[in-house]
Every structure is written in structure tokens, then in C-alpha cells.
Amino acid sequence: MIDTFHANIEEKNVARAVHTAGKRLKHIHASENDRGLLGSGHVDFPAIIESLREIDYSGYLMIEGFGYSPSEPDSPGALWAEMSVPPEEIAFSGAQYLSRVLSNTASV
């Protein structure tokens, strides 16, 4: 499993880590370097998606988000999220972003 938030901290190159994991890779948590909206930080999702295509990845790609909800003041999002971003926006905006990245790298 690769979590792009943590891989961004631990790996020199997340796309290369995808190649290293190769066929053993079964699951991806897509999260921005600051746990914000996908595409708003510096995680290189296009390069990661390209690497996933190169290894013929067929596992899960999920958005790991920590949006904040006022009705859940003790949730992880209260610690890590931007307070103005609801969890639904992280999910829907993230899915739209990943869809665009997947479309743009389809011919790579």
C-alpha cells in the first residue's frame, strides 16, 4: 500500500516507489502533501498515475481526506484539515481531479 501523504514525506520520488512496489502494490491512498484538496499541493499525481499505468496497476485508488465537519469537533479533520473545506468537497473535487489526471495520462 502507498499513501501519497506519507510517501511524500518518506520517499524521494513517489512515482519511483510505485515502480519499486510493482505487482505487490494493491492499494493507493491519494492524499495531498498537506491533506488538502487533490491538485492543490505538490504531490505529483500525473507522474504517480503514469507509473501505475506502467506497472499495470489494477488495485484500489482511494481518496484519503480529512475534511472538517462542525458536527464532529473531535474528528481527525479538526486536527489536520482546513476548517473551511467540508469532507464532501474533498471527495468530489478529488474525484474530479483524479478523473482529469487519468484522462490526461491515458495516451502516455
Protein backbone atom coordinates (compact mmCIF):
# COMPACT_ATOMS: atom_id res chain seq x y z
CA MET A 1 0.00 0.00 0.00
CA ILE A 2 1.20 3.51 -0.75
CA ASP A 3 -0.24 6.55 0.97
CA THR A 4 0.81 9.60 -1.05
CA PHE A 5 0.75 11.87 2.01
CA HIS A 6 3.24 9.72 3.90
CA ALA A 7 5.19 8.70 0.80
CA ASN A 8 5.65 12.42 0.07
CA ILE A 9 7.48 12.64 3.42
CA GLU A 10 9.43 9.36 3.26
CA GLU A 11 10.23 8.86 -0.43
CA LYS A 12 12.49 10.93 -2.64
CA ASN A 13 10.25 10.07 -5.61
CA VAL A 14 6.75 8.65 -5.08
CA ALA A 15 6.36 7.57 -8.73
CA ARG A 16 9.60 5.58 -8.43
CA ALA A 17 8.25 3.98 -5.22
CA VAL A 18 5.24 2.82 -7.25
CA HIS A 19 7.63 1.11 -9.68
CA THR A 20 9.57 -0.45 -6.81
CA ALA A 21 6.38 -1.89 -5.31
CA GLY A 22 5.32 -3.12 -8.75
CA LYS A 23 2.94 -6.08 -8.77
CA ARG A 24 2.98 -6.21 -4.95
CA LEU A 25 1.08 -2.89 -4.85
CA LYS A 26 -2.59 -3.47 -4.07
CA HIS A 27 -3.93 -0.19 -2.70
CA ILE A 28 -3.28 3.56 -3.03
CA HIS A 29 -4.40 6.29 -0.65
CA ALA A 30 -4.40 9.55 -2.63
CA SER A 31 -3.82 12.50 -0.35
CA GLU A 32 -2.16 15.84 -0.93
CA ASN A 33 1.05 16.80 0.90
CA ASP A 34 -0.97 18.96 3.31
CA ARG A 35 -4.03 16.67 3.28
CA GLY A 36 -5.88 19.36 1.34
CA LEU A 37 -7.73 19.15 -1.96
CA LEU A 38 -6.00 16.91 -4.50
CA GLY A 39 -4.12 19.00 -7.03
CA SER A 40 -3.69 21.94 -4.65
CA GLY A 41 -0.31 20.87 -3.27
CA HIS A 42 2.89 19.45 -4.66
CA VAL A 43 2.28 15.68 -4.84
CA ASP A 44 2.98 14.75 -8.48
CA PHE A 45 -0.21 12.82 -9.20
CA PRO A 46 0.32 12.79 -13.00
CA ALA A 47 3.68 11.02 -12.54
CA ILE A 48 2.18 8.63 -9.98
CA ILE A 49 -0.71 7.76 -12.33
CA GLU A 50 1.75 7.24 -15.19
CA SER A 51 3.75 4.83 -13.01
CA LEU A 52 0.57 3.00 -12.04
CA ARG A 53 -0.22 2.52 -15.73
CA GLU A 54 3.31 1.30 -16.42
CA ILE A 55 3.04 -1.44 -13.78
CA ASP A 56 -0.49 -2.35 -14.97
CA TYR A 57 -1.91 -1.49 -11.56
CA SER A 58 -5.42 -2.86 -11.04
CA GLY A 59 -5.89 -2.29 -7.31
CA TYR A 60 -7.78 0.39 -5.47
CA LEU A 61 -7.17 4.13 -5.72
CA MET A 62 -9.00 5.90 -2.93
CA ILE A 63 -9.06 9.49 -1.77
CA GLU A 64 -7.92 9.87 1.80
CA GLY A 65 -9.40 13.08 3.08
CA PHE A 66 -9.73 14.78 6.40
CA GLY A 67 -12.38 17.40 5.83
CA TYR A 68 -13.80 19.18 8.81
CA SER A 69 -17.40 19.00 9.91
CA PRO A 70 -18.67 21.31 12.68
CA SER A 71 -20.89 18.47 13.91
CA GLU A 72 -17.77 16.36 14.58
CA PRO A 73 -15.41 18.65 16.55
CA ASP A 74 -13.25 15.71 17.71
CA SER A 75 -12.74 14.16 14.28
CA PRO A 76 -9.28 13.83 12.71
CA GLY A 77 -10.27 16.61 10.32
CA ALA A 78 -10.39 19.02 13.25
CA LEU A 79 -6.65 18.43 13.65
CA TRP A 80 -5.45 18.15 10.06
CA ALA A 81 -7.96 19.76 7.73
CA GLU A 82 -8.57 23.24 6.52
CA MET A 83 -11.64 24.18 8.52
CA SER A 84 -13.43 25.72 5.54
CA VAL A 85 -13.31 22.54 3.43
CA PRO A 86 -16.10 20.01 4.09
CA PRO A 87 -15.38 16.29 3.58
CA GLU A 88 -17.76 16.17 0.62
CA GLU A 89 -15.65 18.73 -1.24
CA ILE A 90 -12.50 16.68 -0.64
CA ALA A 91 -14.26 13.62 -2.08
CA PHE A 92 -15.98 15.22 -5.08
CA SER A 93 -13.20 17.66 -6.03
CA GLY A 94 -10.63 14.90 -5.57
CA ALA A 95 -12.57 12.53 -7.81
CA GLN A 96 -12.87 15.22 -10.50
CA TYR A 97 -9.15 15.98 -10.25
CA LEU A 98 -8.15 12.30 -10.48
CA SER A 99 -10.53 11.83 -13.41
CA ARG A 100 -8.81 14.69 -15.26
CA VAL A 101 -5.35 13.28 -14.47
CA LEU A 102 -6.42 9.81 -15.62
CA SER A 103 -7.80 11.27 -18.86
CA ASN A 104 -4.68 13.35 -19.49
CA THR A 105 -2.32 10.40 -18.96
CA ALA A 106 -4.42 7.89 -20.92
CA SER A 107 -2.24 8.22 -24.01
CA VAL A 108 1.07 8.12 -22.11
